[in-house]
Amino acid sequence: MRSRWIGGLFAVVAMTMMILALWLWQYAPAAAMQYRVAQRSVFAMGGRCAAVALIAAAQWLIVSSVVGSVYRPGRLDRAFCGVAGVICGVAMISAVALGLAGR
């Protein structure tokens, strides 16, 4: 019973992360215009890289916690979690680098 509550909570958190990432993807060019940065396209691309990192983190959370609480995790699930973690890390580093380069 407890794992269902935790899986449900993580599912809600992952869906919130997905909605936030989609909003961030859409709002990135407007944020570049609002903050008056030197290179708007680079800053907007940094915001979109942050959205990709958030989506990868949400997918990792869904596979590792939600699916892992229902089914026994296999080799493919662990590999997918590793790939999602790497994508999240690379996208977050790119987002920070592009955000600083746009200023």
Protein backbone atom coordinates (compact mmCIF):
# COMPACT_ATOMS: atom_id res chain seq x y z
CA MET A 1 0.00 0.00 0.00
CA ARG A 2 2.80 2.37 0.89
CA SER A 3 4.56 1.88 -2.43
CA ARG A 4 1.36 2.85 -4.26
CA TRP A 5 1.22 6.15 -2.39
CA ILE A 6 4.86 6.85 -3.08
CA GLY A 7 4.46 5.85 -6.75
CA GLY A 8 1.42 8.11 -7.03
CA LEU A 9 3.27 11.00 -5.42
CA PHE A 10 6.25 10.55 -7.74
CA ALA A 11 3.89 10.36 -10.72
CA VAL A 12 2.35 13.70 -9.76
CA VAL A 13 5.81 15.23 -9.27
CA ALA A 14 6.94 13.91 -12.66
CA MET A 15 3.85 15.30 -14.39
CA THR A 16 4.46 18.66 -12.72
CA MET A 17 8.04 18.57 -13.97
CA MET A 18 6.84 17.82 -17.50
CA ILE A 19 4.34 20.70 -17.45
CA LEU A 20 7.01 23.05 -16.08
CA ALA A 21 9.45 21.94 -18.79
CA LEU A 22 6.92 22.55 -21.56
CA TRP A 23 6.16 25.98 -20.13
CA LEU A 24 9.90 26.73 -19.93
CA TRP A 25 10.40 25.65 -23.53
CA GLN A 26 7.65 28.01 -24.68
CA TYR A 27 8.67 30.92 -22.42
CA ALA A 28 12.45 30.86 -23.18
CA PRO A 29 12.41 33.41 -26.06
CA ALA A 30 10.17 35.77 -24.09
CA ALA A 31 12.49 35.53 -21.09
CA ALA A 32 15.41 36.48 -23.29
CA MET A 33 13.49 39.57 -24.41
CA GLN A 34 12.42 40.45 -20.88
CA TYR A 35 15.87 40.25 -19.26
CA ARG A 36 17.55 42.21 -22.07
CA VAL A 37 20.54 39.93 -22.49
CA ALA A 38 23.27 40.54 -25.07
CA GLN A 39 22.61 37.45 -27.20
CA ARG A 40 18.97 36.53 -27.00
CA SER A 41 19.12 33.39 -29.13
CA VAL A 42 21.89 31.88 -27.01
CA PHE A 43 20.01 32.68 -23.81
CA ALA A 44 16.80 31.20 -25.21
CA MET A 45 18.65 28.04 -26.24
CA GLY A 46 19.96 27.79 -22.68
CA GLY A 47 16.39 27.91 -21.38
CA ARG A 48 15.39 25.21 -23.81
CA CYS A 49 18.33 23.05 -22.73
CA ALA A 50 17.11 23.46 -19.16
CA ALA A 51 13.69 22.25 -20.32
CA VAL A 52 15.28 19.17 -21.90
CA ALA A 53 17.13 18.49 -18.64
CA LEU A 54 13.89 18.75 -16.71
CA ILE A 55 12.13 16.37 -19.09
CA ALA A 56 14.98 13.85 -18.82
CA ALA A 57 14.82 14.06 -15.03
CA ALA A 58 11.06 13.50 -15.12
CA GLN A 59 11.49 10.45 -17.35
CA TRP A 60 14.14 9.10 -15.00
CA LEU A 61 11.78 9.61 -12.07
CA ILE A 62 8.93 7.84 -13.85
CA VAL A 63 11.00 4.83 -14.86
CA SER A 64 12.95 4.44 -11.64
CA SER A 65 10.20 5.10 -9.12
CA VAL A 66 6.77 4.71 -10.64
CA VAL A 67 7.42 1.81 -13.00
CA GLY A 68 9.94 0.34 -10.55
CA SER A 69 7.32 0.16 -7.82
CA VAL A 70 4.88 -1.77 -10.02
CA TYR A 71 7.27 -4.03 -11.94
CA ARG A 72 10.57 -5.55 -10.99
CA PRO A 73 13.28 -3.42 -12.63
CA GLY A 74 15.27 -5.22 -15.28
CA ARG A 75 18.48 -4.57 -17.15
CA LEU A 76 16.76 -2.40 -19.75
CA ASP A 77 15.14 -0.23 -17.09
CA ARG A 78 18.47 0.38 -15.40
CA ALA A 79 20.09 1.19 -18.73
CA PHE A 80 17.31 3.64 -19.56
CA CYS A 81 17.71 5.31 -16.16
CA GLY A 82 21.43 5.67 -16.77
CA VAL A 83 20.91 7.19 -20.20
CA ALA A 84 18.26 9.58 -18.84
CA GLY A 85 20.65 10.62 -16.07
CA VAL A 86 23.45 11.30 -18.56
CA ILE A 87 21.12 13.29 -20.81
CA CYS A 88 19.89 15.28 -17.83
CA GLY A 89 23.45 16.09 -16.76
CA VAL A 90 24.64 17.09 -20.22
CA ALA A 91 21.56 19.23 -20.85
CA MET A 92 21.90 20.96 -17.48
CA ILE A 93 25.58 21.73 -18.07
CA SER A 94 24.69 23.04 -21.55
CA ALA A 95 21.89 25.17 -20.11
CA VAL A 96 24.20 26.80 -17.59
CA ALA A 97 26.93 27.37 -20.19
CA LEU A 98 24.51 28.87 -22.71
CA GLY A 99 22.84 31.00 -20.06
CA LEU A 100 26.19 32.44 -19.02
CA ALA A 101 27.31 32.90 -22.63
CA GLY A 102 24.14 34.80 -23.46
CA ARG A 103 24.71 37.38 -20.77
